[in-house]
């Protein structure tokens, strides 16, 4: 059977194993990836194969992921699956690696491949928030963009962003937004984003010792 080529228009088909319909991913982005790489929705099996290069391992370039059992992963995946009109998590998989016993090398069709056959090297999510403003409009929030350290220079981060923007547009978002560090501003400007506002954060763990009245005391004093 001929090896998979990233020039294939649609290497994945809609299935219960995938988080959402892969038809939302434009063929033009698939074709722009390096040879043997594919972009696809997150799969149920992405925590089970190649534990040293799984979806969760890829996220470790961002922050602490923690110890997540397969059972817990499956529960979270099922929740996202049941809300697949809101959560769109994608991965880029490098198929240029030997198959393992955990995943078959190809599907029954020469133009399709099996998720988990390769190595996950990049990931990202766009969350579709439903609003009342703008005539019940939707806003896409891009989160958790991760690219493995050994994959830098292949424009995988750019392809992840392009894919998430395209998904957001296709599902009806009137804008797609994200937060980033100052050093990453030039990259996102190249991706078409504009600097807007200021990011703010309130971390619950830093305020656990304070009572609710203590937390709001400064605000109450000004009323």
N, C-alpha and C. Protein backbone atom coordinates (compact mmCIF):
# COMPACT_ATOMS: atom_id res chain seq x y z
N UNK A 1 0.84 -1.20 0.00
CA UNK A 1 0.00 0.00 0.00
C UNK A 1 0.87 1.24 0.00
N UNK A 2 0.53 2.21 -0.80
CA UNK A 2 1.35 3.42 -0.92
C UNK A 2 1.33 4.20 0.39
N UNK A 3 2.45 4.81 0.78
CA UNK A 3 2.50 5.60 2.01
C UNK A 3 1.60 6.81 1.91
N UNK A 4 1.15 7.27 3.06
CA UNK A 4 0.27 8.45 3.09
C UNK A 4 1.03 9.69 2.68
N UNK A 5 0.40 10.55 1.93
CA UNK A 5 0.98 11.84 1.56
C UNK A 5 0.10 12.94 2.11
N UNK A 6 0.70 14.01 2.67
CA UNK A 6 -0.08 15.11 3.22
C UNK A 6 -0.82 15.88 2.14
N UNK A 7 -0.58 15.55 0.87
CA UNK A 7 -1.31 16.19 -0.21
C UNK A 7 -2.72 15.62 -0.35
N UNK A 8 -2.98 14.48 0.35
CA UNK A 8 -4.32 13.90 0.32
C UNK A 8 -5.32 14.91 0.85
N UNK A 9 -6.45 15.05 0.17
CA UNK A 9 -7.42 16.08 0.55
C UNK A 9 -8.00 15.85 1.94
N UNK A 10 -8.49 14.65 2.22
CA UNK A 10 -9.16 14.39 3.49
C UNK A 10 -8.69 13.05 4.05
N UNK A 11 -7.61 13.06 4.83
CA UNK A 11 -7.07 11.80 5.34
C UNK A 11 -7.88 11.19 6.47
N UNK A 12 -8.87 11.90 6.99
CA UNK A 12 -9.71 11.38 8.08
C UNK A 12 -11.18 11.57 7.74
N UNK A 13 -11.99 10.67 8.24
CA UNK A 13 -13.44 10.76 8.05
C UNK A 13 -14.12 10.91 9.41
N UNK A 14 -15.31 11.43 9.42
CA UNK A 14 -16.07 11.64 10.64
C UNK A 14 -16.28 10.31 11.35
N UNK A 15 -15.99 10.29 12.66
CA UNK A 15 -16.16 9.05 13.43
C UNK A 15 -16.33 9.39 14.89
N UNK A 16 -16.77 8.40 15.67
CA UNK A 16 -16.96 8.61 17.10
C UNK A 16 -15.62 8.77 17.81
N UNK A 17 -14.54 8.34 17.17
CA UNK A 17 -13.21 8.44 17.76
C UNK A 17 -12.68 9.87 17.72
N UNK A 18 -13.18 10.69 16.80
CA UNK A 18 -12.70 12.06 16.65
C UNK A 18 -13.63 13.06 17.34
N UNK A 19 -13.06 14.13 17.85
CA UNK A 19 -13.83 15.10 18.64
C UNK A 19 -14.90 15.80 17.82
N UNK A 20 -14.60 16.12 16.56
CA UNK A 20 -15.57 16.80 15.71
C UNK A 20 -15.34 16.38 14.27
N UNK A 21 -16.18 16.84 13.38
CA UNK A 21 -16.11 16.47 11.97
C UNK A 21 -14.85 17.06 11.33
N UNK A 22 -13.93 16.23 10.84
CA UNK A 22 -12.70 16.76 10.23
C UNK A 22 -12.93 17.56 8.96
N UNK A 23 -14.15 17.52 8.42
CA UNK A 23 -14.45 18.31 7.23
C UNK A 23 -14.34 19.81 7.51
N UNK A 24 -14.33 20.21 8.79
CA UNK A 24 -14.17 21.62 9.14
C UNK A 24 -12.74 22.11 8.91
N UNK A 25 -11.80 21.19 8.71
CA UNK A 25 -10.41 21.56 8.49
C UNK A 25 -10.18 21.73 6.99
N UNK A 26 -9.83 22.94 6.54
CA UNK A 26 -9.66 23.18 5.10
C UNK A 26 -8.56 22.32 4.49
N UNK A 27 -8.81 21.81 3.29
CA UNK A 27 -7.82 21.00 2.58
C UNK A 27 -6.56 21.80 2.29
N UNK A 28 -6.72 23.12 2.09
CA UNK A 28 -5.56 23.96 1.77
C UNK A 28 -4.54 23.97 2.90
N UNK A 29 -5.02 23.89 4.14
CA UNK A 29 -4.09 23.85 5.28
C UNK A 29 -3.42 22.49 5.35
N UNK A 30 -4.19 21.44 5.11
CA UNK A 30 -3.62 20.09 5.09
C UNK A 30 -2.48 20.02 4.07
N UNK A 31 -2.71 20.62 2.94
CA UNK A 31 -1.73 20.55 1.84
C UNK A 31 -0.49 21.41 2.11
N UNK A 32 -0.58 22.34 3.07
CA UNK A 32 0.55 23.22 3.36
C UNK A 32 1.50 22.64 4.40
N UNK A 33 1.15 21.50 4.98
CA UNK A 33 1.99 20.88 5.99
C UNK A 33 3.18 20.17 5.36
N UNK A 34 4.24 19.93 6.15
CA UNK A 34 5.36 19.14 5.62
C UNK A 34 4.88 17.75 5.21
N UNK A 35 5.61 17.12 4.30
CA UNK A 35 5.24 15.79 3.82
C UNK A 35 5.12 14.81 4.98
N UNK A 36 4.02 14.07 4.99
CA UNK A 36 3.82 13.07 6.02
C UNK A 36 3.18 13.58 7.30
N UNK A 37 2.87 14.88 7.37
CA UNK A 37 2.21 15.45 8.54
C UNK A 37 0.72 15.61 8.23
N UNK A 38 -0.12 15.45 9.26
CA UNK A 38 -1.56 15.63 9.10
C UNK A 38 -2.10 16.48 10.25
N UNK A 39 -3.12 17.26 9.98
CA UNK A 39 -3.83 18.00 11.02
C UNK A 39 -5.21 17.39 11.13
N UNK A 40 -5.66 17.15 12.34
CA UNK A 40 -6.92 16.45 12.56
C UNK A 40 -7.52 16.83 13.90
N UNK A 41 -8.80 16.47 14.14
CA UNK A 41 -9.38 16.67 15.46
C UNK A 41 -8.72 15.76 16.49
N UNK A 42 -8.77 16.16 17.74
CA UNK A 42 -8.33 15.30 18.84
C UNK A 42 -9.09 13.98 18.79
N UNK A 43 -8.43 12.88 19.14
CA UNK A 43 -9.05 11.55 19.11
C UNK A 43 -9.09 10.94 20.51
N UNK A 44 -10.03 10.05 20.73
CA UNK A 44 -10.13 9.35 22.01
C UNK A 44 -8.84 8.63 22.35
N UNK A 45 -8.17 8.13 21.33
CA UNK A 45 -6.98 7.31 21.52
C UNK A 45 -5.71 8.12 21.76
N UNK A 46 -5.80 9.44 21.76
CA UNK A 46 -4.58 10.25 21.83
C UNK A 46 -3.90 10.23 23.18
N UNK A 47 -4.50 9.63 24.20
CA UNK A 47 -3.83 9.48 25.48
C UNK A 47 -3.33 8.05 25.66
N UNK A 48 -3.57 7.18 24.68
CA UNK A 48 -3.28 5.77 24.86
C UNK A 48 -2.03 5.31 24.14
N UNK A 49 -1.68 5.95 23.03
CA UNK A 49 -0.56 5.48 22.22
C UNK A 49 0.64 6.40 22.36
N UNK A 50 1.82 5.81 22.28
CA UNK A 50 3.07 6.58 22.33
C UNK A 50 3.04 7.59 23.47
N UNK A 51 3.00 7.09 24.70
CA UNK A 51 2.82 7.97 25.84
C UNK A 51 3.89 9.07 25.92
N UNK A 52 5.07 8.81 25.32
CA UNK A 52 6.12 9.83 25.34
C UNK A 52 5.90 10.91 24.28
N UNK A 53 4.89 10.74 23.44
CA UNK A 53 4.59 11.75 22.42
C UNK A 53 3.10 11.90 22.23
N UNK A 54 2.34 11.78 23.32
CA UNK A 54 0.89 11.88 23.26
C UNK A 54 0.46 13.34 23.28
N UNK A 55 -0.84 13.54 23.17
CA UNK A 55 -1.42 14.88 23.23
C UNK A 55 -1.03 15.58 24.53
N UNK A 56 -1.16 14.88 25.66
CA UNK A 56 -0.86 15.48 26.95
C UNK A 56 0.62 15.81 27.07
N UNK A 57 1.47 14.96 26.54
CA UNK A 57 2.92 15.22 26.57
C UNK A 57 3.24 16.49 25.78
N UNK A 58 2.56 16.67 24.66
CA UNK A 58 2.78 17.87 23.85
C UNK A 58 2.41 19.13 24.62
N UNK A 59 1.34 19.06 25.42
CA UNK A 59 0.89 20.23 26.18
C UNK A 59 1.88 20.64 27.26
N UNK A 60 2.80 19.76 27.63
CA UNK A 60 3.75 20.07 28.69
C UNK A 60 4.72 21.19 28.32
N UNK A 61 4.81 21.53 27.03
CA UNK A 61 5.66 22.67 26.65
C UNK A 61 5.04 23.98 27.11
N UNK A 62 3.75 23.96 27.47
CA UNK A 62 3.04 25.16 27.89
C UNK A 62 3.10 25.38 29.40
N UNK A 63 2.78 24.32 30.15
CA UNK A 63 2.63 24.46 31.60
C UNK A 63 2.53 23.07 32.21
N UNK A 64 2.28 23.02 33.50
CA UNK A 64 2.11 21.74 34.19
C UNK A 64 0.82 21.08 33.74
N UNK A 65 0.91 19.83 33.33
CA UNK A 65 -0.28 19.07 32.93
C UNK A 65 -0.75 18.18 34.07
N UNK A 66 0.18 17.60 34.81
CA UNK A 66 -0.17 16.73 35.92
C UNK A 66 -0.35 15.29 35.47
N UNK A 67 -0.66 14.43 36.43
CA UNK A 67 -0.89 13.01 36.16
C UNK A 67 -2.37 12.81 35.87
N UNK A 68 -2.68 12.46 34.64
CA UNK A 68 -4.07 12.27 34.22
C UNK A 68 -4.24 10.82 33.76
N UNK A 69 -5.10 10.09 34.43
CA UNK A 69 -5.33 8.69 34.07
C UNK A 69 -6.09 8.62 32.74
N UNK A 70 -6.02 7.45 32.11
CA UNK A 70 -6.76 7.30 30.86
C UNK A 70 -8.26 7.43 31.10
N UNK A 71 -8.73 6.93 32.26
CA UNK A 71 -10.15 7.05 32.59
C UNK A 71 -10.57 8.51 32.68
N UNK A 72 -9.74 9.33 33.34
CA UNK A 72 -10.05 10.76 33.46
C UNK A 72 -9.99 11.44 32.10
N UNK A 73 -9.02 11.05 31.28
CA UNK A 73 -8.91 11.61 29.93
C UNK A 73 -10.16 11.30 29.13
N UNK A 74 -10.64 10.07 29.22
CA UNK A 74 -11.82 9.66 28.46
C UNK A 74 -13.07 10.39 28.93
N UNK A 75 -13.18 10.63 30.23
CA UNK A 75 -14.33 11.39 30.74
C UNK A 75 -14.32 12.80 30.19
N UNK A 76 -13.15 13.44 30.19
CA UNK A 76 -13.07 14.80 29.68
C UNK A 76 -13.34 14.82 28.17
N UNK A 77 -12.77 13.85 27.46
CA UNK A 77 -13.00 13.79 26.02
C UNK A 77 -14.49 13.62 25.73
N UNK A 78 -15.17 12.76 26.49
CA UNK A 78 -16.60 12.52 26.25
C UNK A 78 -17.41 13.78 26.50
N UNK A 79 -17.02 14.55 27.52
CA UNK A 79 -17.72 15.82 27.77
C UNK A 79 -17.56 16.76 26.58
N UNK A 80 -16.33 16.88 26.09
CA UNK A 80 -16.08 17.75 24.95
C UNK A 80 -16.83 17.25 23.72
N UNK A 81 -16.87 15.94 23.55
CA UNK A 81 -17.57 15.34 22.42
C UNK A 81 -19.06 15.67 22.47
N UNK A 82 -19.64 15.64 23.66
CA UNK A 82 -21.06 15.94 23.82
C UNK A 82 -21.34 17.43 23.61
N UNK A 83 -20.30 18.24 23.61
CA UNK A 83 -20.42 19.68 23.35
C UNK A 83 -19.52 20.05 22.17
N UNK A 84 -19.55 19.21 21.16
CA UNK A 84 -18.63 19.38 20.04
C UNK A 84 -18.98 20.56 19.14
N UNK A 85 -20.08 21.25 19.46
CA UNK A 85 -20.38 22.50 18.75
C UNK A 85 -19.76 23.69 19.48
N UNK A 86 -18.99 23.40 20.54
CA UNK A 86 -18.32 24.45 21.30
C UNK A 86 -16.80 24.25 21.36
N UNK A 87 -16.38 22.99 21.45
CA UNK A 87 -14.96 22.68 21.66
C UNK A 87 -14.36 22.07 20.40
N UNK A 88 -13.29 22.70 19.92
CA UNK A 88 -12.62 22.23 18.71
C UNK A 88 -11.11 22.16 19.00
N UNK A 89 -10.68 21.00 19.45
CA UNK A 89 -9.26 20.79 19.73
C UNK A 89 -8.65 20.01 18.58
N UNK A 90 -7.53 20.51 18.07
CA UNK A 90 -6.87 19.86 16.95
C UNK A 90 -5.45 19.47 17.31
N UNK A 91 -4.91 18.53 16.57
CA UNK A 91 -3.51 18.15 16.73
C UNK A 91 -2.88 18.03 15.35
N UNK A 92 -1.57 18.20 15.30
CA UNK A 92 -0.80 17.85 14.11
C UNK A 92 0.00 16.60 14.44
N UNK A 93 -0.10 15.62 13.57
CA UNK A 93 0.53 14.33 13.80
C UNK A 93 1.57 14.06 12.72
N UNK A 94 2.76 13.68 13.16
CA UNK A 94 3.84 13.32 12.24
C UNK A 94 3.72 11.83 11.96
N UNK A 95 3.38 11.49 10.71
CA UNK A 95 3.21 10.10 10.34
C UNK A 95 4.50 9.45 9.87
N UNK A 96 5.60 10.20 9.89
CA UNK A 96 6.89 9.69 9.42
C UNK A 96 7.63 8.92 10.51
N UNK A 97 6.91 8.07 11.21
CA UNK A 97 7.49 7.27 12.27
C UNK A 97 7.01 5.84 12.13
N UNK A 98 7.78 4.86 12.60
CA UNK A 98 7.33 3.46 12.50
C UNK A 98 6.06 3.25 13.30
N UNK A 99 5.10 2.45 12.79
CA UNK A 99 3.88 2.17 13.51
C UNK A 99 4.16 1.37 14.78
N UNK A 100 3.29 1.50 15.77
CA UNK A 100 3.43 0.72 17.00
C UNK A 100 2.27 -0.24 17.10
N UNK A 101 2.35 -1.12 18.07
CA UNK A 101 1.26 -2.08 18.27
C UNK A 101 -0.01 -1.38 18.74
N UNK A 102 0.14 -0.14 19.24
CA UNK A 102 -1.03 0.59 19.73
C UNK A 102 -1.85 1.19 18.62
N UNK A 103 -1.26 1.33 17.42
CA UNK A 103 -2.00 1.94 16.32
C UNK A 103 -1.61 1.31 15.01
N UNK A 104 -2.57 1.05 14.14
CA UNK A 104 -2.26 0.44 12.86
C UNK A 104 -1.65 1.45 11.92
N UNK A 105 -0.87 0.97 10.96
CA UNK A 105 -0.15 1.86 10.07
C UNK A 105 -1.07 2.61 9.13
N UNK A 106 -2.11 1.94 8.65
CA UNK A 106 -3.05 2.58 7.75
C UNK A 106 -4.44 2.05 8.01
N UNK A 107 -5.41 2.72 7.43
CA UNK A 107 -6.78 2.23 7.51
C UNK A 107 -7.01 1.28 6.34
N UNK A 108 -8.24 0.83 6.18
CA UNK A 108 -8.56 -0.08 5.09
C UNK A 108 -8.57 0.62 3.75
N UNK A 109 -8.55 1.94 3.76
CA UNK A 109 -8.52 2.72 2.52
C UNK A 109 -7.15 3.32 2.31
N UNK A 110 -6.57 3.24 1.11
CA UNK A 110 -5.24 3.79 0.88
C UNK A 110 -5.16 5.29 1.01
N UNK A 111 -6.29 5.99 1.00
CA UNK A 111 -6.28 7.44 1.09
C UNK A 111 -6.54 7.94 2.51
N UNK A 112 -6.70 7.00 3.47
CA UNK A 112 -7.00 7.36 4.84
C UNK A 112 -5.91 6.84 5.77
N UNK A 113 -5.79 7.47 6.94
CA UNK A 113 -4.85 7.01 7.94
C UNK A 113 -5.57 6.89 9.27
N UNK A 114 -4.96 6.14 10.20
CA UNK A 114 -5.57 5.90 11.49
C UNK A 114 -4.98 6.85 12.53
N UNK A 115 -5.80 7.62 13.26
CA UNK A 115 -5.28 8.48 14.32
C UNK A 115 -4.48 7.67 15.33
N UNK A 116 -3.32 8.20 15.76
CA UNK A 116 -2.49 7.49 16.71
C UNK A 116 -1.42 6.66 16.06
N UNK A 117 -1.37 6.61 14.75
CA UNK A 117 -0.34 5.85 14.05
C UNK A 117 1.01 6.54 14.14
N UNK A 118 1.01 7.88 14.29
CA UNK A 118 2.24 8.64 14.30
C UNK A 118 2.53 9.28 15.65
N UNK A 119 3.15 10.45 15.60
CA UNK A 119 3.57 11.17 16.81
C UNK A 119 2.93 12.55 16.81
N UNK A 120 2.21 12.89 17.86
CA UNK A 120 1.59 14.20 17.98
C UNK A 120 2.68 15.22 18.29
N UNK A 121 2.74 16.27 17.48
CA UNK A 121 3.82 17.26 17.61
C UNK A 121 3.31 18.68 17.83
N UNK A 122 2.01 18.91 17.71
CA UNK A 122 1.46 20.25 17.91
C UNK A 122 -0.03 20.13 18.23
N UNK A 123 -0.56 21.14 18.91
CA UNK A 123 -1.97 21.10 19.30
C UNK A 123 -2.50 22.51 19.55
N UNK A 124 -3.80 22.63 19.57
CA UNK A 124 -4.45 23.91 19.87
C UNK A 124 -5.95 23.73 19.94
N UNK A 125 -6.63 24.71 20.53
CA UNK A 125 -8.08 24.64 20.71
C UNK A 125 -8.71 25.98 20.38
N UNK A 126 -9.89 25.93 19.77
CA UNK A 126 -10.72 27.13 19.68
C UNK A 126 -12.06 26.79 20.33
N UNK A 127 -12.47 27.63 21.25
CA UNK A 127 -13.73 27.46 21.98
C UNK A 127 -14.73 28.48 21.47
N UNK A 128 -15.90 28.02 21.03
CA UNK A 128 -16.94 28.90 20.50
C UNK A 128 -17.86 29.33 21.64
N UNK A 129 -17.75 30.59 22.04
CA UNK A 129 -18.58 31.15 23.12
C UNK A 129 -19.84 31.78 22.53
N UNK A 130 -20.98 31.37 23.04
CA UNK A 130 -22.26 31.91 22.57
C UNK A 130 -22.68 33.10 23.43
N UNK A 131 -22.97 34.22 22.77
CA UNK A 131 -23.27 35.47 23.45
C UNK A 131 -24.69 35.94 23.16
N UNK A 132 -25.13 36.95 23.90
CA UNK A 132 -26.39 37.63 23.60
C UNK A 132 -26.13 38.84 22.70
N UNK A 133 -24.97 39.46 22.86
CA UNK A 133 -24.66 40.64 22.05
C UNK A 133 -24.42 40.25 20.60
N UNK A 134 -24.40 41.27 19.77
CA UNK A 134 -24.22 41.06 18.32
C UNK A 134 -25.21 40.03 17.77
N UNK A 135 -26.46 40.20 18.21
CA UNK A 135 -27.55 39.35 17.73
C UNK A 135 -27.26 37.86 17.95
N UNK A 136 -26.96 37.53 19.22
CA UNK A 136 -26.65 36.15 19.61
C UNK A 136 -25.41 35.63 18.88
N UNK A 137 -24.44 36.50 18.76
CA UNK A 137 -23.21 36.13 18.06
C UNK A 137 -22.34 35.17 18.84
N UNK A 138 -21.31 34.66 18.18
CA UNK A 138 -20.35 33.74 18.79
C UNK A 138 -18.94 34.30 18.64
N UNK A 139 -18.14 34.09 19.68
CA UNK A 139 -16.74 34.51 19.66
C UNK A 139 -15.86 33.27 19.83
N UNK A 140 -14.84 33.14 19.01
CA UNK A 140 -13.90 32.04 19.14
C UNK A 140 -12.74 32.43 20.03
N UNK A 141 -12.45 31.59 21.02
CA UNK A 141 -11.32 31.83 21.93
C UNK A 141 -10.25 30.77 21.65
N UNK A 142 -9.10 31.20 21.19
CA UNK A 142 -8.00 30.27 20.94
C UNK A 142 -7.21 30.05 22.23
N UNK A 143 -6.96 28.78 22.54
CA UNK A 143 -6.29 28.42 23.77
C UNK A 143 -5.27 27.31 23.53
N UNK A 144 -4.27 27.25 24.42
CA UNK A 144 -3.35 26.11 24.54
C UNK A 144 -2.66 25.73 23.23
N UNK A 145 -1.99 26.71 22.62
CA UNK A 145 -1.22 26.44 21.41
C UNK A 145 0.13 25.85 21.83
N UNK A 146 0.41 24.65 21.37
CA UNK A 146 1.63 23.95 21.77
C UNK A 146 2.30 23.32 20.56
N UNK A 147 3.62 23.49 20.48
CA UNK A 147 4.42 22.85 19.43
C UNK A 147 5.63 22.22 20.10
N UNK A 148 5.87 20.95 19.84
CA UNK A 148 7.01 20.26 20.44
C UNK A 148 8.31 20.99 20.12
N UNK A 149 9.23 20.98 21.09
CA UNK A 149 10.48 21.72 20.94
C UNK A 149 11.29 21.26 19.73
N UNK A 150 11.21 19.97 19.41
CA UNK A 150 12.00 19.46 18.29
C UNK A 150 11.34 19.68 16.93
N UNK A 151 10.21 20.41 16.92
CA UNK A 151 9.49 20.67 15.68
C UNK A 151 9.50 22.13 15.29
N UNK A 152 10.29 22.92 15.98
CA UNK A 152 10.35 24.35 15.69
C UNK A 152 10.92 24.58 14.28
N UNK A 153 10.45 25.64 13.62
CA UNK A 153 10.95 25.99 12.31
C UNK A 153 10.18 25.37 11.16
N UNK A 154 9.14 24.60 11.45
CA UNK A 154 8.35 23.95 10.40
C UNK A 154 7.01 24.65 10.17
N UNK A 155 6.81 25.79 10.83
CA UNK A 155 5.58 26.59 10.71
C UNK A 155 4.35 25.83 11.19
N UNK A 156 4.54 24.91 12.13
CA UNK A 156 3.40 24.16 12.65
C UNK A 156 2.50 25.04 13.51
N UNK A 157 3.10 25.97 14.26
CA UNK A 157 2.28 26.89 15.05
C UNK A 157 1.40 27.73 14.15
N UNK A 158 1.95 28.19 13.05
CA UNK A 158 1.17 28.97 12.08
C UNK A 158 0.02 28.13 11.53
N UNK A 159 0.28 26.88 11.21
CA UNK A 159 -0.78 26.01 10.65
C UNK A 159 -1.87 25.73 11.69
N UNK A 160 -1.47 25.59 12.94
CA UNK A 160 -2.48 25.41 13.99
C UNK A 160 -3.38 26.62 14.07
N UNK A 161 -2.79 27.82 14.09
CA UNK A 161 -3.57 29.05 14.18
C UNK A 161 -4.47 29.21 12.96
N UNK A 162 -3.93 28.96 11.77
CA UNK A 162 -4.74 29.06 10.55
C UNK A 162 -5.94 28.12 10.60
N UNK A 163 -5.71 26.92 11.10
CA UNK A 163 -6.80 25.94 11.19
C UNK A 163 -7.87 26.39 12.17
N UNK A 164 -7.45 26.87 13.34
CA UNK A 164 -8.41 27.29 14.36
C UNK A 164 -9.20 28.52 13.90
N UNK A 165 -8.54 29.44 13.22
CA UNK A 165 -9.25 30.60 12.67
C UNK A 165 -10.30 30.16 11.65
N UNK A 166 -9.92 29.21 10.79
CA UNK A 166 -10.84 28.73 9.77
C UNK A 166 -12.03 28.02 10.38
N UNK A 167 -11.78 27.23 11.42
CA UNK A 167 -12.89 26.54 12.11
C UNK A 167 -13.82 27.57 12.74
N UNK A 168 -13.24 28.56 13.43
CA UNK A 168 -14.06 29.59 14.05
C UNK A 168 -14.94 30.30 13.04
N UNK A 169 -14.38 30.62 11.90
CA UNK A 169 -15.16 31.28 10.85
C UNK A 169 -16.28 30.38 10.34
N UNK A 170 -15.96 29.10 10.12
CA UNK A 170 -16.95 28.19 9.56
C UNK A 170 -18.12 27.90 10.49
N UNK A 171 -17.87 27.92 11.81
CA UNK A 171 -18.96 27.63 12.75
C UNK A 171 -19.75 28.87 13.09
N UNK A 172 -19.35 30.05 12.56
CA UNK A 172 -20.16 31.25 12.72
C UNK A 172 -19.66 32.29 13.69
N UNK A 173 -18.41 32.22 14.12
CA UNK A 173 -17.88 33.24 15.03
C UNK A 173 -17.68 34.56 14.28
N UNK A 174 -18.04 35.68 14.91
CA UNK A 174 -17.84 36.96 14.26
C UNK A 174 -16.44 37.51 14.53
N UNK A 175 -15.73 36.92 15.50
CA UNK A 175 -14.33 37.24 15.70
C UNK A 175 -13.68 36.08 16.46
N UNK A 176 -12.34 36.00 16.35
CA UNK A 176 -11.56 35.00 17.06
C UNK A 176 -10.47 35.74 17.82
N UNK A 177 -10.36 35.49 19.11
CA UNK A 177 -9.43 36.22 19.96
C UNK A 177 -8.53 35.26 20.72
N UNK A 178 -7.43 35.82 21.27
CA UNK A 178 -6.52 35.02 22.08
C UNK A 178 -5.71 35.93 22.98
N UNK A 179 -5.11 35.34 24.02
CA UNK A 179 -4.17 36.04 24.89
C UNK A 179 -2.78 35.48 24.62
N UNK A 180 -1.76 36.32 24.72
CA UNK A 180 -0.40 35.83 24.52
C UNK A 180 0.57 36.69 25.29
N UNK A 181 1.80 36.21 25.42
CA UNK A 181 2.85 36.99 26.07
C UNK A 181 3.35 38.05 25.10
N UNK A 182 4.01 39.05 25.66
CA UNK A 182 4.51 40.16 24.84
C UNK A 182 5.46 39.67 23.75
N UNK A 183 6.27 38.68 24.08
CA UNK A 183 7.26 38.20 23.10
C UNK A 183 6.62 37.50 21.90
N UNK A 184 5.37 37.04 22.07
CA UNK A 184 4.69 36.34 20.97
C UNK A 184 3.80 37.24 20.13
N UNK A 185 3.73 38.53 20.50
CA UNK A 185 2.89 39.45 19.74
C UNK A 185 3.27 39.51 18.26
N UNK A 186 4.55 39.62 17.90
CA UNK A 186 4.91 39.67 16.48
C UNK A 186 4.43 38.45 15.70
N UNK A 187 4.50 37.27 16.31
CA UNK A 187 4.05 36.05 15.63
C UNK A 187 2.56 36.13 15.34
N UNK A 188 1.76 36.52 16.33
CA UNK A 188 0.31 36.56 16.13
C UNK A 188 -0.10 37.69 15.19
N UNK A 189 0.67 38.76 15.17
CA UNK A 189 0.39 39.81 14.18
C UNK A 189 0.60 39.28 12.76
N UNK A 190 1.60 38.43 12.59
CA UNK A 190 1.81 37.81 11.29
C UNK A 190 0.66 36.87 10.93
N UNK A 191 -0.02 36.37 11.96
CA UNK A 191 -1.17 35.48 11.75
C UNK A 191 -2.45 36.27 11.50
N UNK A 192 -2.37 37.60 11.49
CA UNK A 192 -3.54 38.42 11.20
C UNK A 192 -4.23 39.02 12.40
N UNK A 193 -3.69 38.82 13.60
CA UNK A 193 -4.32 39.37 14.81
C UNK A 193 -3.84 40.79 15.08
N UNK A 194 -4.69 41.56 15.75
CA UNK A 194 -4.38 42.93 16.13
C UNK A 194 -4.32 43.03 17.64
N UNK A 195 -3.47 43.91 18.13
CA UNK A 195 -3.38 44.13 19.57
C UNK A 195 -4.66 44.81 20.05
N UNK A 196 -5.34 44.20 21.02
CA UNK A 196 -6.60 44.74 21.54
C UNK A 196 -6.64 44.57 23.05
N UNK A 197 -6.79 45.67 23.78
CA UNK A 197 -7.00 45.59 25.21
C UNK A 197 -5.81 45.05 25.98
N UNK A 198 -6.08 44.62 27.23
CA UNK A 198 -5.07 44.10 28.14
C UNK A 198 -5.58 42.82 28.76
N UNK A 199 -4.73 41.82 28.84
CA UNK A 199 -5.12 40.55 29.48
C UNK A 199 -5.08 40.70 30.99
N UNK A 200 -6.09 40.18 31.68
CA UNK A 200 -6.14 40.19 33.13
C UNK A 200 -6.41 38.76 33.61
N UNK A 201 -5.93 38.45 34.80
CA UNK A 201 -6.17 37.10 35.34
C UNK A 201 -6.40 37.14 36.84
N UNK A 202 -7.26 36.27 37.32
CA UNK A 202 -7.50 36.11 38.76
C UNK A 202 -7.38 34.63 39.07
N UNK A 203 -6.36 34.24 39.84
CA UNK A 203 -6.07 32.84 40.10
C UNK A 203 -6.65 32.42 41.44
N UNK A 204 -7.55 31.46 41.41
CA UNK A 204 -8.28 31.02 42.59
C UNK A 204 -7.34 30.51 43.68
N UNK A 205 -6.32 29.72 43.30
CA UNK A 205 -5.44 29.12 44.30
C UNK A 205 -4.72 30.15 45.16
N UNK A 206 -4.54 31.34 44.65
CA UNK A 206 -3.86 32.39 45.40
C UNK A 206 -4.78 33.06 46.41
N UNK A 207 -6.08 32.76 46.36
CA UNK A 207 -7.05 33.43 47.22
C UNK A 207 -7.84 32.44 48.07
N UNK A 208 -7.39 31.18 48.15
CA UNK A 208 -8.16 30.17 48.87
C UNK A 208 -8.24 30.44 50.36
N UNK A 209 -7.25 31.10 50.94
CA UNK A 209 -7.25 31.34 52.39
C UNK A 209 -8.13 32.51 52.79
N UNK A 210 -8.53 33.30 51.82
CA UNK A 210 -9.36 34.47 52.12
C UNK A 210 -10.83 34.09 52.11
N UNK A 211 -11.59 34.66 53.04
CA UNK A 211 -13.03 34.43 53.07
C UNK A 211 -13.69 35.27 51.99
N UNK A 212 -14.92 34.90 51.57
CA UNK A 212 -15.61 35.70 50.55
C UNK A 212 -15.73 37.17 50.93
N UNK A 213 -15.98 37.45 52.22
CA UNK A 213 -16.12 38.84 52.63
C UNK A 213 -14.80 39.58 52.53
N UNK A 214 -13.68 38.86 52.86
CA UNK A 214 -12.37 39.48 52.74
C UNK A 214 -12.04 39.81 51.29
N UNK A 215 -12.41 38.89 50.41
CA UNK A 215 -12.08 39.06 49.00
C UNK A 215 -12.75 40.28 48.40
N UNK A 216 -13.96 40.59 48.88
CA UNK A 216 -14.71 41.69 48.30
C UNK A 216 -14.71 42.95 49.16
N UNK A 217 -13.99 42.91 50.29
CA UNK A 217 -13.98 44.05 51.20
C UNK A 217 -13.51 45.34 50.53
N UNK A 218 -12.43 45.33 49.73
CA UNK A 218 -11.99 46.58 49.09
C UNK A 218 -13.04 47.17 48.16
N UNK A 219 -13.81 46.32 47.51
CA UNK A 219 -14.84 46.80 46.61
C UNK A 219 -16.00 47.40 47.40
N UNK A 220 -16.38 46.71 48.48
CA UNK A 220 -17.50 47.18 49.29
C UNK A 220 -17.19 48.53 49.92
N UNK A 221 -15.92 48.72 50.29
CA UNK A 221 -15.54 49.95 50.96
C UNK A 221 -15.67 51.16 50.06
N UNK A 222 -15.65 50.93 48.75
CA UNK A 222 -15.71 52.04 47.81
C UNK A 222 -17.13 52.36 47.40
N UNK A 223 -18.09 51.51 47.78
CA UNK A 223 -19.47 51.73 47.36
C UNK A 223 -20.14 52.82 48.19
